[in-house]
Amino acid sequence: MHKIGCIALEKLVNLDGGGARDESQFCDMGHQATYIEVREKEVLTVVGKIQVQRNYYYDRFCGEGWCPKDRELSIVGSSFSPGVRRIMGRVGSSRPFAVGAEEILEIGGLEVNPKSIERMCHEVGNEADRFLSLRAPAEKGTQETMYISIDGTGVPVLKVETDGRRGKGADGIAKTREVKLGCVFTQTAFDDEGYPIRDENSTTYVGAIETAEVFGHRIRREAERRGYWQAKRRCVIGDGAPWIWNIVSDHFWDAIQIVDLYHAREHYWACARVFFATDEQRQRVWAGCRKEELDNGDVDAVIRAVKQLRTRSKASRKLRDSTVNYFQQNKHRMRYSEFRAQGLFVGSGVIEAGCKTIISQRLKQSGMHWTVDGANSIIALRCCLLSRRWEDFWTYVAEVA
């Protein structure tokens, strides 16, 4: 059937004899180009390879030629049809390139090498990033509560991408670059116990390896596209990282700010493990008291308890002081009893899951090391897929072409 399809498609594509033949065409600069000849090009389509006949024109002023039919068929500078590029982009964004090549051959009978999939993912991923960065009209309708959640996670990169950067390890050598990931979701209903329920299929993602300043504009565009300013309540959930709250102050200054409860708990537990290292029972009792205080929104009590810990080394003193500072800086974002009374989420589980599904599952597999551009291409493709904007993206590609 593929062979028959190739024959039929090749005849159909070439019925025009290479396209409308004018004695001359004009380039983007307005120069007149002269018709030279019909040239053939081999193109891999979803049913196999075909030979496409195209009229070739040459512009002696610019010193270059082109085939108008390439633009009509969206094969300018490519030997892959749009359908094959779509397959390569989807498979390459989900699996290692070598595995993707094997699956395309097994399922579709199309032979493409892993390097071609990698190059195609980079090309299509750049287009996806442009698509996701467009300022679009806000979605219609008023949402009850809209949440923005932001987090960062490291991705292993090539050594050249970490030159001049200090790592967290003992050797001080950086081996990763931070991906900044953000999601937007809405919440309307509650479960039988009164806990908020995320609206089904309401989560969309954006992300990239870039500065916090650039990412701030990225996540704001996505929030505005989702109708941020029309939502009745607006909330931002994140951990205690200063760059997150700097973004909030610049772009979401009117939102309710909430530090993820489970990140907050990790900080007093870190103290418990260090200061009561030899007594697990005391660890549980001391941390249990802090949990009750934090759940009740009594951050001052947590701070007092941490301050009372006796330090025996420079390292323990540094941990105690940094923990106190963490709770003091984020005190107004830890009113958990008040937030729960309002029916709000207090955890960042949605963005934590996004870090795993969008970033870790594809970019943090054993032995992988990325360039920043390569990683960003894959991130853009995966954000498109998991935000259910894949079809919209390819409609955009067709319109631009």
Protein backbone atom coordinates (compact mmCIF):
# COMPACT_ATOMS: atom_id res chain seq x y z
CA MET A 1 0.00 0.00 0.00
CA HIS A 2 2.89 2.35 0.71
CA LYS A 3 4.33 1.65 -2.76
CA ILE A 4 0.97 2.35 -4.40
CA GLY A 5 0.65 5.48 -2.28
CA CYS A 6 4.08 6.69 -3.41
CA ILE A 7 3.17 6.27 -7.08
CA ALA A 8 -0.18 8.03 -6.67
CA LEU A 9 1.27 10.86 -4.56
CA GLU A 10 4.18 11.45 -6.93
CA LYS A 11 1.84 11.70 -9.92
CA LEU A 12 -0.51 14.02 -8.04
CA VAL A 13 2.27 16.33 -6.85
CA ASN A 14 3.77 16.55 -10.35
CA LEU A 15 0.55 17.10 -12.31
CA ASP A 16 1.48 20.78 -12.60
CA GLY A 17 4.76 19.94 -14.32
CA GLY A 18 6.81 21.76 -11.69
CA GLY A 19 4.47 24.59 -10.89
CA ALA A 20 3.17 27.64 -12.71
CA ARG A 21 5.86 28.61 -15.18
CA ASP A 22 6.44 32.34 -15.51
CA GLU A 23 9.30 33.71 -17.47
CA SER A 24 10.33 35.54 -14.33
CA GLN A 25 9.75 35.65 -10.58
CA PHE A 26 10.59 38.36 -8.05
CA CYS A 27 12.58 37.80 -4.87
CA ASP A 28 11.81 39.41 -1.50
CA MET A 29 14.12 42.30 -2.44
CA GLY A 30 12.13 42.96 -5.62
CA HIS A 31 14.80 41.63 -7.99
CA GLN A 32 13.66 39.83 -11.11
CA ALA A 33 14.69 36.17 -11.32
CA THR A 34 14.74 34.21 -14.57
CA TYR A 35 13.32 30.74 -15.17
CA ILE A 36 16.12 28.24 -15.80
CA GLU A 37 14.78 24.67 -15.82
CA VAL A 38 12.74 21.97 -14.07
CA ARG A 39 14.65 20.33 -11.26
CA GLU A 40 13.82 17.18 -9.32
CA LYS A 41 14.06 16.74 -5.57
CA GLU A 42 13.71 13.54 -3.55
CA VAL A 43 11.35 13.99 -0.61
CA LEU A 44 10.54 11.47 2.11
CA THR A 45 6.80 11.47 2.77
CA VAL A 46 4.69 9.41 5.18
CA VAL A 47 4.18 6.79 2.42
CA GLY A 48 7.80 6.75 1.24
CA LYS A 49 10.18 8.59 -1.07
CA ILE A 50 8.90 10.51 -4.10
CA GLN A 51 10.55 12.68 -6.77
CA VAL A 52 9.12 16.20 -6.89
CA GLN A 53 9.45 18.29 -10.07
CA ARG A 54 9.94 22.03 -9.42
CA ASN A 55 10.58 25.02 -11.65
CA TYR A 56 13.91 26.63 -10.76
CA TYR A 57 14.54 30.41 -11.01
CA TYR A 58 17.81 32.27 -10.63
CA ASP A 59 18.31 35.82 -9.33
CA ARG A 60 21.60 37.16 -10.70
CA PHE A 61 21.44 40.25 -8.45
CA CYS A 62 21.29 38.21 -5.22
CA GLY A 63 23.35 35.41 -6.71
CA GLU A 64 20.94 32.68 -5.64
CA GLY A 65 18.08 30.61 -6.97
CA TRP A 66 14.90 29.08 -5.61
CA CYS A 67 11.89 26.96 -6.48
CA PRO A 68 8.50 28.56 -5.68
CA LYS A 69 6.93 25.11 -5.43
CA ASP A 70 9.12 24.28 -2.42
CA ARG A 71 7.32 26.96 -0.45
CA GLU A 72 3.91 25.71 -1.58
CA LEU A 73 4.74 22.19 -0.39
CA SER A 74 6.59 23.42 2.74
CA ILE A 75 9.83 21.67 1.79
CA VAL A 76 12.13 24.70 1.55
CA GLY A 77 15.58 23.51 2.60
CA SER A 78 14.22 20.12 3.64
CA SER A 79 14.00 16.67 2.11
CA PHE A 80 11.23 15.68 4.57
CA SER A 81 7.53 16.37 4.04
CA PRO A 82 5.59 18.22 6.75
CA GLY A 83 4.00 14.93 7.81
CA VAL A 84 7.37 13.25 8.33
CA ARG A 85 8.73 16.30 10.16
CA ARG A 86 5.75 16.09 12.49
CA ILE A 87 6.43 12.40 13.18
CA MET A 88 10.13 13.06 13.80
CA GLY A 89 9.36 15.95 16.14
CA ARG A 90 6.90 13.96 18.19
CA VAL A 91 9.00 10.82 18.45
CA GLY A 92 12.24 12.72 19.09
CA SER A 93 10.66 14.76 21.86
CA SER A 94 9.54 11.61 23.65
CA ARG A 95 12.41 9.15 23.19
CA PRO A 96 16.17 9.00 22.63
CA PHE A 97 16.85 9.74 18.96
CA ALA A 98 18.26 6.27 18.19
CA VAL A 99 15.21 4.58 19.74
CA GLY A 100 12.96 6.98 17.82
CA ALA A 101 14.58 6.04 14.50
CA GLU A 102 13.95 2.36 15.20
CA GLU A 103 10.30 2.99 16.08
CA ILE A 104 9.65 5.10 12.96
CA LEU A 105 11.08 2.29 10.83
CA GLU A 106 9.14 -0.41 12.67
CA ILE A 107 5.80 1.37 12.73
CA GLY A 108 5.86 3.55 9.63
CA GLY A 109 8.38 1.80 7.40
CA LEU A 110 10.32 5.06 7.06
CA GLU A 111 14.09 4.99 7.31
CA VAL A 112 15.54 8.06 9.01
CA ASN A 113 18.79 8.22 10.92
CA PRO A 114 18.98 9.43 14.53
CA LYS A 115 21.00 12.52 13.59
CA SER A 116 18.26 13.63 11.20
CA ILE A 117 15.70 13.29 14.00
CA GLU A 118 17.92 15.34 16.30
CA ARG A 119 18.33 18.11 13.70
CA MET A 120 14.61 18.06 12.95
CA CYS A 121 13.70 18.30 16.65
CA HIS A 122 16.01 21.30 16.94
CA GLU A 123 14.38 22.98 13.91
CA VAL A 124 10.78 22.16 14.87
CA GLY A 125 11.49 22.91 18.52
CA ASN A 126 12.64 26.42 17.63
CA GLU A 127 9.36 26.92 15.76
CA ALA A 128 7.45 25.57 18.76
CA ASP A 129 9.25 28.03 21.03
CA ARG A 130 8.28 30.92 18.75
CA PHE A 131 4.69 29.67 18.75
CA LEU A 132 4.56 29.43 22.55
CA SER A 133 6.09 32.90 22.86
CA LEU A 134 3.38 34.59 20.78
CA ARG A 135 1.11 37.02 22.54
CA ALA A 136 -2.35 35.57 22.04
CA PRO A 137 -5.79 36.91 23.02
CA ALA A 138 -6.92 35.81 26.47
CA GLU A 139 -9.14 32.75 26.61
CA LYS A 140 -12.81 33.60 26.97
CA GLY A 141 -14.60 33.09 30.25
CA THR A 142 -13.85 33.95 33.86
CA GLN A 143 -12.02 31.37 35.94
CA GLU A 144 -12.84 30.93 39.61
CA THR A 145 -9.24 30.49 40.78
CA MET A 146 -6.08 30.50 38.67
CA TYR A 147 -2.75 29.18 39.92
CA ILE A 148 0.74 29.81 38.63
CA SER A 149 3.40 27.46 39.89
CA ILE A 150 7.13 27.86 39.18
CA ASP A 151 10.12 25.64 39.86
CA GLY A 152 13.63 24.90 38.62
CA THR A 153 15.43 21.63 37.92
CA GLY A 154 18.90 20.80 36.61
CA VAL A 155 19.59 19.21 33.24
CA PRO A 156 22.95 17.56 32.40
CA VAL A 157 24.76 19.54 29.71
CA LEU A 158 27.99 19.42 27.76
CA LYS A 159 31.05 20.80 29.51
CA VAL A 160 31.24 23.77 27.13
CA GLU A 161 27.82 24.92 28.43
CA THR A 162 29.08 25.25 32.01
CA ASP A 163 32.32 27.20 31.44
CA GLY A 164 32.71 29.80 34.16
CA ARG A 165 29.81 28.43 36.20
CA ARG A 166 30.26 27.10 39.72
CA GLY A 167 28.57 23.85 40.69
CA LYS A 168 27.08 22.70 43.99
CA GLY A 169 29.31 19.65 44.29
CA ALA A 170 32.44 19.39 46.43
CA ASP A 171 34.65 19.91 43.39
CA GLY A 172 32.83 23.13 42.52
CA ILE A 173 32.44 22.04 38.90
CA ALA A 174 29.03 22.66 37.36
CA LYS A 175 27.59 19.74 35.43
CA THR A 176 24.04 20.95 34.87
CA ARG A 177 22.07 24.02 33.82
CA GLU A 178 18.81 24.99 35.46
CA VAL A 179 15.58 24.69 33.53
CA LYS A 180 12.96 27.13 34.71
CA LEU A 181 9.53 25.55 34.36
CA GLY A 182 6.16 27.11 34.97
CA CYS A 183 2.59 25.89 34.78
CA VAL A 184 -0.81 27.53 34.82
CA PHE A 185 -3.92 25.68 35.98
CA THR A 186 -7.38 26.46 37.31
CA GLN A 187 -9.54 25.19 40.14
CA THR A 188 -13.30 25.42 40.57
CA ALA A 189 -14.56 22.46 42.59
CA PHE A 190 -13.77 20.71 45.89
CA ASP A 191 -13.82 17.07 46.92
CA ASP A 192 -16.09 15.59 49.61
CA GLU A 193 -13.62 16.56 52.33
CA GLY A 194 -13.42 20.17 51.16
CA TYR A 195 -10.00 19.96 49.48
CA PRO A 196 -9.58 21.85 46.17
CA ILE A 197 -9.62 19.84 42.93
CA ARG A 198 -7.62 20.93 39.90
CA ASP A 199 -9.85 21.41 36.83
CA GLU A 200 -9.39 18.55 34.38
CA ASN A 201 -7.08 19.28 31.42
CA SER A 202 -6.52 22.83 32.67
CA THR A 203 -2.72 22.67 33.07
CA THR A 204 -0.41 24.25 30.51
CA TYR A 205 3.39 24.51 30.68
CA VAL A 206 6.21 26.77 29.57
CA GLY A 207 9.90 26.36 30.24
CA ALA A 208 13.47 26.96 29.09
CA ILE A 209 17.07 27.25 30.19
CA GLU A 210 17.22 31.03 30.45
CA THR A 211 17.57 33.86 32.92
CA ALA A 212 14.85 34.54 35.46
CA GLU A 213 14.19 37.91 33.84
CA VAL A 214 13.46 36.37 30.44
CA PHE A 215 11.46 33.53 31.96
CA GLY A 216 9.33 36.02 33.88
CA HIS A 217 8.02 37.43 30.61
CA ARG A 218 7.48 33.90 29.28
CA ILE A 219 5.30 32.75 32.18
CA ARG A 220 3.40 36.05 32.20
CA ARG A 221 2.48 35.65 28.50
CA GLU A 222 1.14 32.18 29.21
CA ALA A 223 -0.84 33.37 32.23
CA GLU A 224 -2.37 36.22 30.24
CA ARG A 225 -3.23 33.86 27.41
CA ARG A 226 -5.07 31.72 29.94
CA GLY A 227 -7.06 34.74 31.15
CA TYR A 228 -5.08 35.69 34.26
CA TRP A 229 -6.59 39.14 34.66
CA GLN A 230 -10.14 37.80 34.35
CA ALA A 231 -9.75 35.19 37.11
CA LYS A 232 -11.60 35.90 40.34
CA ARG A 233 -8.66 34.73 42.46
CA ARG A 234 -5.02 34.53 41.43
CA CYS A 235 -2.35 32.57 43.29
CA VAL A 236 1.34 31.78 42.83
CA ILE A 237 2.89 28.71 44.44
CA GLY A 238 6.65 28.14 44.62
CA ASP A 239 9.45 27.14 46.92
CA GLY A 240 11.60 29.67 48.74
CA ALA A 241 13.92 30.47 45.82
CA PRO A 242 14.34 34.27 45.64
CA TRP A 243 14.27 34.33 41.80
CA ILE A 244 10.70 32.98 41.86
CA TRP A 245 9.41 35.70 44.15
CA ASN A 246 11.29 38.36 42.18
CA ILE A 247 9.29 37.23 39.13
CA VAL A 248 6.10 37.42 41.17
CA SER A 249 6.84 40.96 42.34
CA ASP A 250 7.52 42.04 38.74
CA HIS A 251 4.63 40.31 36.96
CA PHE A 252 2.06 38.91 39.45
CA TRP A 253 2.18 41.50 42.20
CA ASP A 254 -1.56 41.16 42.96
CA ALA A 255 -1.51 37.38 43.42
CA ILE A 256 -1.78 35.47 46.69
CA GLN A 257 1.73 34.14 47.34
CA ILE A 258 2.12 30.66 48.83
CA VAL A 259 5.34 28.80 49.66
CA ASP A 260 4.91 25.10 49.03
CA LEU A 261 4.13 23.51 52.39
CA TYR A 262 6.28 20.45 51.77
CA HIS A 263 9.36 22.52 50.93
CA ALA A 264 8.83 24.43 54.16
CA ARG A 265 8.67 21.17 56.09
CA GLU A 266 11.94 20.00 54.52
CA HIS A 267 13.74 22.97 56.11
CA TYR A 268 12.86 22.22 59.73
CA TRP A 269 13.41 18.51 59.10
CA ALA A 270 16.94 19.31 57.89
CA CYS A 271 17.57 20.94 61.27
CA ALA A 272 16.07 18.00 63.14
CA ARG A 273 18.38 15.53 61.41
CA VAL A 274 21.49 17.60 62.14
CA PHE A 275 20.81 18.74 65.71
CA PHE A 276 19.35 15.42 66.87
CA ALA A 277 21.44 13.20 64.64
CA THR A 278 21.80 10.38 67.17
CA ASP A 279 18.24 10.38 68.48
CA GLU A 280 15.56 9.58 65.90
CA GLN A 281 12.81 9.76 68.51
CA ARG A 282 13.73 13.37 69.35
CA GLN A 283 13.88 14.15 65.65
CA ARG A 284 10.29 12.99 65.16
CA VAL A 285 8.99 14.72 68.29
CA TRP A 286 10.72 18.03 67.58
CA ALA A 287 9.73 18.03 63.88
CA GLY A 288 6.18 16.98 64.82
CA CYS A 289 5.81 20.08 66.99
CA ARG A 290 7.05 22.27 64.13
CA LYS A 291 4.56 20.60 61.76
CA GLU A 292 1.66 21.43 64.04
CA GLU A 293 2.83 25.04 64.39
CA LEU A 294 3.33 25.46 60.66
CA ASP A 295 -0.02 23.88 59.78
CA ASN A 296 -1.65 26.38 62.14
CA GLY A 297 0.19 29.25 60.45
CA ASP A 298 2.24 30.04 63.55
CA VAL A 299 5.53 30.69 61.77
CA ASP A 300 6.85 32.76 64.68
CA ALA A 301 6.75 29.66 66.89
CA VAL A 302 8.77 27.71 64.32
CA ILE A 303 11.34 30.51 64.17
CA ARG A 304 11.66 30.63 67.97
CA ALA A 305 12.16 26.87 68.15
CA VAL A 306 14.87 26.91 65.49
CA LYS A 307 16.66 29.82 67.18
CA GLN A 308 16.81 27.87 70.44
CA LEU A 309 18.80 25.03 68.86
CA ARG A 310 22.32 24.86 70.28
CA THR A 311 25.04 24.92 67.66
CA ARG A 312 28.22 22.91 68.07
CA SER A 313 29.96 23.75 64.84
CA LYS A 314 30.19 26.41 62.18
CA ALA A 315 28.17 24.23 59.79
CA SER A 316 25.31 23.72 62.25
CA ARG A 317 25.24 27.43 63.07
CA LYS A 318 25.06 28.22 59.36
CA LEU A 319 22.16 25.77 58.92
CA ARG A 320 20.27 27.22 61.88
CA ASP A 321 20.72 30.81 60.71
CA SER A 322 19.77 30.05 57.10
CA THR A 323 16.64 28.19 58.29
CA VAL A 324 15.60 31.10 60.49
CA ASN A 325 16.15 33.48 57.58
CA TYR A 326 14.10 31.24 55.27
CA PHE A 327 11.07 31.29 57.54
CA GLN A 328 11.40 35.00 58.28
CA GLN A 329 11.64 35.92 54.61
CA ASN A 330 8.62 33.78 53.67
CA LYS A 331 6.48 34.28 56.77
CA HIS A 332 3.69 36.04 54.89
CA ARG A 333 3.61 33.19 52.34
CA MET A 334 3.08 30.54 55.03
CA ARG A 335 -0.38 31.39 56.35
CA TYR A 336 -1.44 27.80 55.71
CA SER A 337 -4.45 27.67 58.02
CA GLU A 338 -5.78 30.83 56.37
CA PHE A 339 -5.07 29.52 52.86
CA ARG A 340 -6.82 26.23 53.59
CA ALA A 341 -9.81 28.05 55.05
CA GLN A 342 -10.08 29.87 51.72
CA GLY A 343 -10.05 26.56 49.85
CA LEU A 344 -6.63 27.08 48.23
CA PHE A 345 -3.91 24.63 47.30
CA VAL A 346 -0.84 24.89 49.53
CA GLY A 347 1.42 22.40 47.73
CA SER A 348 3.35 22.54 44.46
CA GLY A 349 2.62 18.97 43.40
CA VAL A 350 1.50 20.04 39.92
CA ILE A 351 4.79 21.69 38.97
CA GLU A 352 6.80 18.96 40.70
CA ALA A 353 5.03 16.41 38.49
CA GLY A 354 5.67 18.66 35.49
CA CYS A 355 9.41 18.67 36.22
CA LYS A 356 9.35 14.88 36.08
CA THR A 357 7.15 14.40 33.02
CA ILE A 358 8.43 17.28 30.88
CA ILE A 359 12.08 17.42 31.91
CA SER A 360 13.30 14.30 33.71
CA GLN A 361 11.63 11.63 31.59
CA ARG A 362 13.27 12.89 28.41
CA LEU A 363 16.30 15.02 29.25
CA LYS A 364 17.74 13.36 32.35
CA GLN A 365 18.16 9.78 31.21
CA SER A 366 21.39 7.91 31.82
CA GLY A 367 24.34 9.18 29.80
CA MET A 368 22.57 12.20 28.32
CA HIS A 369 24.36 15.55 27.96
CA TRP A 370 22.73 18.42 26.09
CA THR A 371 23.55 21.72 24.54
CA VAL A 372 21.37 24.53 25.86
CA ASP A 373 19.79 25.04 22.41
CA GLY A 374 19.13 21.32 22.02
CA ALA A 375 17.54 21.02 25.45
CA ASN A 376 15.36 24.08 24.88
CA SER A 377 14.10 22.63 21.59
CA ILE A 378 12.97 19.44 23.30
CA ILE A 379 11.44 21.40 26.20
CA ALA A 380 9.39 23.52 23.78
CA LEU A 381 8.10 20.43 21.96
CA ARG A 382 7.17 18.69 25.20
CA CYS A 383 5.42 21.80 26.53
CA CYS A 384 3.38 21.88 23.33
CA LEU A 385 2.45 18.22 23.65
CA LEU A 386 1.60 18.19 27.34
CA SER A 387 -0.28 21.48 27.12
CA ARG A 388 -2.50 19.95 24.40
CA ARG A 389 -1.39 22.59 21.88
CA TRP A 390 0.22 20.21 19.39
CA GLU A 391 -2.52 20.60 16.77
CA ASP A 392 -2.59 24.36 17.22
CA PHE A 393 1.18 24.44 16.72
CA TRP A 394 1.05 22.59 13.40
CA THR A 395 -1.78 24.82 12.21
CA TYR A 396 0.51 27.76 13.00
CA VAL A 397 3.38 26.11 11.08
CA ALA A 398 1.16 25.64 8.03
CA GLU A 399 -0.02 29.25 8.12
CA VAL A 400 3.51 30.62 8.49
CA ALA A 401 4.77 28.43 5.64
